[in-house]
Amino acid sequence: MIEVIPLKYGVTFKRVFSQPEIFKQFIFDLLGIRLDIDVVQTEYEYPDSVGYVRIKYDLFAEDSSHRTIVEVQHIKHQDFFDRFLYYHLIGLIEQARTYQGYRFGRAVYTIVVLTSVPDNQSIEFSHAMQDLSFLTEFGKRFSPYPHRLIILVPRNVNQQTPAGIKGWLELIKDSLDSRLDESAYPLELFQQVIAAIKRNTMTPDELAQIKEQESWNMTEIDLRNKGREEGREEGREEGRQDQQQTAARQMLSYGESIEKIELYTGLNRQEIEQLQQPEQ
């Protein structure tokens, strides 16, 4: 076992997958397409703004026929699906530059790698794909466009995970606890991935960025947990108030005094008097 920096961090993920040969093989194993590229760009922005939200892509590469976008996210935000659908659509819209035609010169593939498993288990798959196919009244589908939005969840890798991408997801998953068995991944390209994420190969600047991201992830988790606990406490308080009010109404119906109801329910005089008033 060796110590590695998990591939849940953007710094680590981009360090590995910005290597053209690794990126090209990853895309081929996932999509079955051969990219003709020499460079994979990180933190890529389009030269001219598109839409109302300024975005950067973690990894971006394109040749004459294909535009490939890869995003890695550890915490699943509430706007997860909306956010990456937007990223995907901007990758299409950016190509339509004139009113004379709405042609998309490149097929757009947006790949999102979610390295956590959401608490609510709303994502129970390791691989899911959305395309732009049409469904006819005859129950048949046809797909005039090759564009794809793909979500990968390494922690959920299973026997039904497509064979081509399964090894990649297993490697990413295996890295997430910061320890990894090199011998489990004999392929030369996987060994290159492992070499790139060994802890002792990281620069001080990269380690600082990783520490900052981890601190931010922990802050987000703490805020979520606090929000859930506050919600539960609010629910418990509402439940207590309902019980107090129900008991007070029963005692009022029996003709009990306000003083006695105060004593038994914990409600004050004003709250009890409000219960005596007819509902509007």
Protein backbone atom coordinates (compact mmCIF):
# COMPACT_ATOMS: atom_id res chain seq x y z
CA MET A 1 0.00 0.00 0.00
CA ILE A 2 1.20 3.51 -0.80
CA GLU A 3 0.05 6.93 0.34
CA VAL A 4 -1.65 9.01 -2.34
CA ILE A 5 -3.53 12.27 -2.62
CA PRO A 6 -7.16 11.33 -3.39
CA LEU A 7 -8.60 12.04 -6.81
CA LYS A 8 -11.51 13.87 -5.18
CA TYR A 9 -9.43 17.06 -5.19
CA GLY A 10 -9.52 19.25 -8.26
CA VAL A 11 -5.77 19.83 -7.99
CA THR A 12 -5.00 16.12 -8.10
CA PHE A 13 -7.60 15.26 -10.69
CA LYS A 14 -6.41 17.96 -13.06
CA ARG A 15 -2.77 17.01 -12.46
CA VAL A 16 -3.54 13.50 -13.73
CA PHE A 17 -6.13 14.00 -16.43
CA SER A 18 -4.53 17.05 -18.02
CA GLN A 19 -1.89 14.66 -19.36
CA PRO A 20 -3.02 14.18 -22.99
CA GLU A 21 -2.34 10.44 -23.21
CA ILE A 22 -4.23 9.72 -19.99
CA PHE A 23 -7.08 12.01 -21.00
CA LYS A 24 -7.38 10.47 -24.47
CA GLN A 25 -7.48 6.91 -23.14
CA PHE A 26 -10.03 7.85 -20.47
CA ILE A 27 -12.29 9.37 -23.14
CA PHE A 28 -11.84 6.40 -25.46
CA ASP A 29 -12.70 3.90 -22.73
CA LEU A 30 -15.76 5.94 -21.78
CA LEU A 31 -17.06 7.07 -25.17
CA GLY A 32 -15.25 4.94 -27.74
CA ILE A 33 -13.94 7.98 -29.62
CA ARG A 34 -10.37 8.83 -30.53
CA LEU A 35 -9.39 12.42 -29.81
CA ASP A 36 -6.71 14.09 -31.91
CA ILE A 37 -5.32 16.51 -29.33
CA ASP A 38 -1.94 17.61 -28.01
CA VAL A 39 -3.13 19.74 -25.08
CA VAL A 40 -5.74 19.44 -22.32
CA GLN A 41 -6.53 22.85 -20.86
CA THR A 42 -7.40 23.41 -17.20
CA GLU A 43 -9.65 26.14 -15.77
CA TYR A 44 -10.73 26.90 -19.34
CA GLU A 45 -12.96 29.86 -20.22
CA TYR A 46 -14.36 30.71 -23.64
CA PRO A 47 -12.72 33.82 -25.13
CA ASP A 48 -16.09 35.58 -25.35
CA SER A 49 -18.65 35.33 -22.55
CA VAL A 50 -21.68 33.11 -23.14
CA GLY A 51 -24.90 33.38 -21.17
CA TYR A 52 -25.27 35.19 -17.86
CA VAL A 53 -23.08 33.00 -15.67
CA ARG A 54 -19.32 33.03 -16.12
CA ILE A 55 -17.95 29.50 -15.95
CA LYS A 56 -14.62 27.71 -16.04
CA TYR A 57 -14.18 24.08 -17.02
CA ASP A 58 -11.85 21.92 -14.93
CA LEU A 59 -10.60 20.13 -18.05
CA PHE A 60 -11.26 21.08 -21.66
CA ALA A 61 -10.00 19.62 -24.92
CA GLU A 62 -11.23 19.67 -28.49
CA ASP A 63 -10.26 18.67 -31.97
CA SER A 64 -12.02 19.35 -35.27
CA SER A 65 -14.93 17.03 -34.43
CA HIS A 66 -15.16 16.70 -30.64
CA ARG A 67 -15.36 19.03 -27.66
CA THR A 68 -14.79 17.24 -24.38
CA ILE A 69 -15.36 18.76 -20.96
CA VAL A 70 -14.58 17.03 -17.67
CA GLU A 71 -15.67 18.34 -14.27
CA VAL A 72 -14.90 16.81 -10.88
CA GLN A 73 -17.03 17.57 -7.81
CA HIS A 74 -16.84 16.07 -4.34
CA ILE A 75 -19.83 17.66 -2.61
CA LYS A 76 -23.18 17.24 -4.35
CA HIS A 77 -24.84 20.64 -4.22
CA GLN A 78 -28.59 21.12 -4.53
CA ASP A 79 -28.09 22.62 -7.98
CA PHE A 80 -25.90 19.72 -9.12
CA PHE A 81 -27.99 18.66 -12.13
CA ASP A 82 -28.93 22.21 -13.14
CA ARG A 83 -25.33 23.38 -12.91
CA PHE A 84 -23.85 20.73 -15.17
CA LEU A 85 -26.72 20.78 -17.63
CA TYR A 86 -25.92 24.48 -17.97
CA TYR A 87 -22.23 23.72 -18.49
CA HIS A 88 -23.16 21.18 -21.15
CA LEU A 89 -25.58 23.49 -22.97
CA ILE A 90 -23.08 26.35 -22.99
CA GLY A 91 -20.63 23.98 -24.68
CA LEU A 92 -23.18 23.67 -27.46
CA ILE A 93 -24.43 27.25 -27.63
CA GLU A 94 -20.92 28.71 -27.77
CA GLN A 95 -20.50 27.17 -31.22
CA ALA A 96 -23.52 28.93 -32.73
CA ARG A 97 -21.81 32.18 -33.67
CA THR A 98 -24.02 33.58 -36.43
CA TYR A 99 -27.71 33.99 -37.24
CA GLN A 100 -27.14 32.28 -40.59
CA GLY A 101 -27.00 28.83 -39.14
CA TYR A 102 -27.34 26.97 -35.89
CA ARG A 103 -24.77 24.33 -36.67
CA PHE A 104 -22.75 22.66 -33.95
CA GLY A 105 -19.40 21.99 -35.56
CA ARG A 106 -18.24 19.70 -32.76
CA ALA A 107 -19.95 16.98 -30.79
CA VAL A 108 -20.01 18.03 -27.13
CA TYR A 109 -19.33 15.54 -24.36
CA THR A 110 -19.60 16.81 -20.80
CA ILE A 111 -18.42 14.36 -18.15
CA VAL A 112 -19.04 14.99 -14.45
CA VAL A 113 -17.17 12.91 -11.88
CA LEU A 114 -18.90 12.95 -8.47
CA THR A 115 -16.53 11.46 -5.91
CA SER A 116 -18.90 11.46 -2.93
CA VAL A 117 -22.11 9.51 -2.40
CA PRO A 118 -24.99 11.86 -1.56
CA ASP A 119 -26.47 11.38 1.92
CA ASN A 120 -29.99 10.97 0.58
CA GLN A 121 -28.92 8.20 -1.80
CA SER A 122 -30.61 10.01 -4.69
CA ILE A 123 -27.82 8.80 -6.95
CA GLU A 124 -27.67 5.01 -6.96
CA PHE A 125 -25.60 4.47 -10.09
CA SER A 126 -21.98 4.65 -11.17
CA HIS A 127 -22.68 5.67 -14.77
CA ALA A 128 -25.57 7.63 -16.25
CA MET A 129 -25.90 9.29 -19.63
CA GLN A 130 -28.24 11.89 -21.09
CA ASP A 131 -28.48 12.36 -24.83
CA LEU A 132 -30.64 14.43 -27.18
CA SER A 133 -32.64 11.59 -28.67
CA PHE A 134 -36.27 11.90 -29.76
CA LEU A 135 -39.06 9.48 -28.86
CA THR A 136 -41.69 8.95 -31.56
CA GLU A 137 -45.32 7.95 -31.16
CA PHE A 138 -44.22 4.47 -32.26
CA GLY A 139 -42.02 4.10 -29.19
CA LYS A 140 -38.83 4.37 -31.22
CA ARG A 141 -35.89 6.64 -30.53
CA PHE A 142 -33.65 8.37 -33.01
CA SER A 143 -30.63 10.52 -32.21
CA PRO A 144 -29.63 13.13 -34.79
CA TYR A 145 -27.05 14.54 -32.38
CA PRO A 146 -24.09 12.77 -30.76
CA HIS A 147 -23.89 15.14 -27.76
CA ARG A 148 -23.79 13.51 -24.32
CA LEU A 149 -23.92 14.59 -20.68
CA ILE A 150 -22.45 11.82 -18.53
CA ILE A 151 -22.33 11.47 -14.76
CA LEU A 152 -19.82 9.11 -13.16
CA VAL A 153 -19.93 8.13 -9.47
CA PRO A 154 -16.82 6.05 -8.61
CA ARG A 155 -18.02 5.15 -5.10
CA ASN A 156 -21.00 3.36 -6.65
CA VAL A 157 -19.01 1.17 -9.05
CA ASN A 158 -20.74 -2.21 -9.43
CA GLN A 159 -21.04 -5.29 -11.63
CA GLN A 160 -23.26 -3.43 -14.10
CA THR A 161 -20.79 -0.58 -14.58
CA PRO A 162 -19.73 -0.49 -18.27
CA ALA A 163 -16.56 -2.52 -18.67
CA GLY A 164 -14.58 0.20 -20.42
CA ILE A 165 -14.87 2.72 -17.62
CA LYS A 166 -15.05 0.33 -14.67
CA GLY A 167 -11.28 0.13 -14.11
CA TRP A 168 -11.00 3.92 -14.08
CA LEU A 169 -13.78 4.27 -11.51
CA GLU A 170 -12.27 1.55 -9.33
CA LEU A 171 -8.92 3.34 -9.38
CA ILE A 172 -10.52 6.70 -8.48
CA LYS A 173 -12.55 5.06 -5.71
CA ASP A 174 -9.50 3.24 -4.37
CA SER A 175 -7.62 6.54 -4.06
CA LEU A 176 -10.29 8.23 -1.94
CA ASP A 177 -9.05 6.88 1.42
CA SER A 178 -5.50 8.16 0.66
CA ARG A 179 -4.05 4.63 0.41
CA LEU A 180 -3.80 2.47 -2.67
CA ASP A 181 -2.51 -0.97 -3.66
CA GLU A 182 -0.33 -0.44 -6.73
CA SER A 183 -0.33 -4.13 -7.63
CA ALA A 184 -4.11 -4.07 -8.24
CA TYR A 185 -3.60 -1.88 -11.32
CA PRO A 186 -0.96 -3.46 -13.56
CA LEU A 187 -1.85 -1.51 -16.72
CA GLU A 188 0.95 0.88 -17.63
CA LEU A 189 -1.40 3.86 -17.96
CA PHE A 190 -2.90 3.22 -14.52
CA GLN A 191 0.63 3.06 -13.12
CA GLN A 192 1.19 6.52 -14.61
CA VAL A 193 -1.92 7.75 -12.82
CA ILE A 194 -0.72 6.28 -9.53
CA ALA A 195 2.75 7.80 -9.96
CA ALA A 196 1.14 11.23 -10.45
CA ILE A 197 -0.87 11.08 -7.23
CA LYS A 198 1.77 9.78 -4.84
CA ARG A 199 1.90 12.10 -1.87
CA ASN A 200 5.66 12.61 -2.08
CA THR A 201 5.40 13.96 -5.65
CA MET A 202 3.15 16.91 -4.73
CA THR A 203 4.62 20.39 -4.65
CA PRO A 204 4.14 22.65 -1.60
CA ASP A 205 1.81 24.86 -3.65
CA GLU A 206 -0.35 21.86 -4.68
CA LEU A 207 -0.51 20.62 -1.09
CA ALA A 208 -1.60 24.08 0.04
CA GLN A 209 -4.39 24.12 -2.55
CA ILE A 210 -5.49 20.64 -1.45
CA LYS A 211 -5.55 21.71 2.20
CA GLU A 212 -7.65 24.74 1.27
CA GLN A 213 -10.13 22.61 -0.69
CA GLU A 214 -10.38 20.10 2.17
CA SER A 215 -11.10 22.93 4.61
CA TRP A 216 -13.81 24.22 2.31
CA ASN A 217 -15.32 20.73 1.91
CA MET A 218 -15.41 20.29 5.69
CA THR A 219 -17.04 23.71 6.10
CA GLU A 220 -19.74 22.78 3.61
CA ILE A 221 -20.37 19.46 5.36
CA ASP A 222 -20.57 21.20 8.76
CA LEU A 223 -23.04 23.75 7.39
CA ARG A 224 -25.18 20.98 5.93
CA ASN A 225 -25.18 19.02 9.18
CA LYS A 226 -26.00 22.18 11.14
CA GLY A 227 -28.87 22.93 8.78
CA ARG A 228 -30.27 19.41 9.16
CA GLU A 229 -29.97 19.57 12.96
CA GLU A 230 -31.63 22.98 13.07
CA GLY A 231 -34.40 21.58 10.89
CA ARG A 232 -34.87 18.60 13.22
CA GLU A 233 -34.86 20.87 16.29
CA GLU A 234 -37.38 23.16 14.63
CA GLY A 235 -39.55 20.15 13.92
CA ARG A 236 -39.26 18.96 17.52
CA GLU A 237 -40.19 22.43 18.81
CA GLU A 238 -43.22 22.59 16.51
CA GLY A 239 -44.25 19.14 17.76
CA ARG A 240 -44.00 20.29 21.39
CA GLN A 241 -46.09 23.38 20.66
CA ASP A 242 -48.76 21.29 18.94
CA GLN A 243 -48.96 18.97 21.95
CA GLN A 244 -49.19 21.92 24.37
CA GLN A 245 -51.93 23.59 22.35
CA THR A 246 -53.93 20.36 21.98
CA ALA A 247 -53.79 19.76 25.74
CA ALA A 248 -54.78 23.37 26.45
CA ARG A 249 -57.79 23.16 24.15
CA GLN A 250 -58.96 19.99 25.85
CA MET A 251 -58.62 21.58 29.30
CA LEU A 252 -60.49 24.69 28.10
CA SER A 253 -63.30 22.47 26.86
CA TYR A 254 -63.50 20.94 30.36
CA GLY A 255 -63.78 24.42 31.88
CA GLU A 256 -60.41 24.42 33.60
CA SER A 257 -58.96 27.75 34.75
CA ILE A 258 -56.27 29.55 32.79
CA GLU A 259 -53.98 29.35 35.83
CA LYS A 260 -54.26 25.58 35.92
CA ILE A 261 -53.74 25.28 32.15
CA GLU A 262 -50.61 27.43 32.47
CA LEU A 263 -49.30 25.09 35.14
CA TYR A 264 -49.96 21.87 33.22
CA THR A 265 -49.07 22.88 29.66
CA GLY A 266 -46.33 25.48 30.06
CA LEU A 267 -48.20 27.95 27.85
CA ASN A 268 -48.58 31.52 29.08
CA ARG A 269 -51.88 33.38 29.59
CA GLN A 270 -51.72 35.22 26.28
CA GLU A 271 -51.16 31.99 24.30
CA ILE A 272 -54.07 30.30 26.08
CA GLU A 273 -56.39 33.26 25.52
CA GLN A 274 -55.55 33.16 21.81
CA LEU A 275 -56.72 29.53 21.75
CA GLN A 276 -60.07 30.66 23.15
CA GLN A 277 -60.67 32.96 20.21
CA PRO A 278 -62.69 31.51 17.32
CA GLU A 279 -60.63 30.73 14.19
CA GLN A 280 -61.03 33.21 11.36
